[in-house]
């Protein structure tokens, strides 16, 4: 009976933990379409917090990717604008001064977009490293708890054997 309870508890911990590990692996492989099990999100323990952290990580990473995509589109638009400005500059020499100002402005926008992309990438890396460390700590804590439960189960079985022998 004690072993059954321990195995039951272990399976309730092991499955969500394995799911979380698989989800983090998918995220680290670039799959941001990971969906967290709603049952795991409603848990009121470390596994529930882990599931919520994975969900939040996926959402934040998607936001960062969308920001990068938006910045990329702006960069492409700025590049096209720069190309048009260069053609205009060569065709209309009387507007040289204003065209050079437009080019300078576009280059500042491009530089600003590049800096923003670099900042977003650094932020994403920090989030991923933090999540990885938290996951490792959670796995370690779970392993300690499982080892303790196995020791307790063995001691209960030993006590039961002694009690059975004394009857």
Foldseek 3Di string as FASTA:
>chain_A
DLVVVLVVVLVVVVVLLVLLVVLLVCVVVPNLPDDQDVVQCPDPDPSNVLSVLSVVLSVLVVVLVVLLVVLVVVLVVLVVVLVVLVVCCVVDVVCVVVSVVSNVVSVVSNVVSVVVNVVSVVVNVVSSVVSVVSSVVVVVVSVVVSVVSVVVSVVVVVVVVVVVVVD
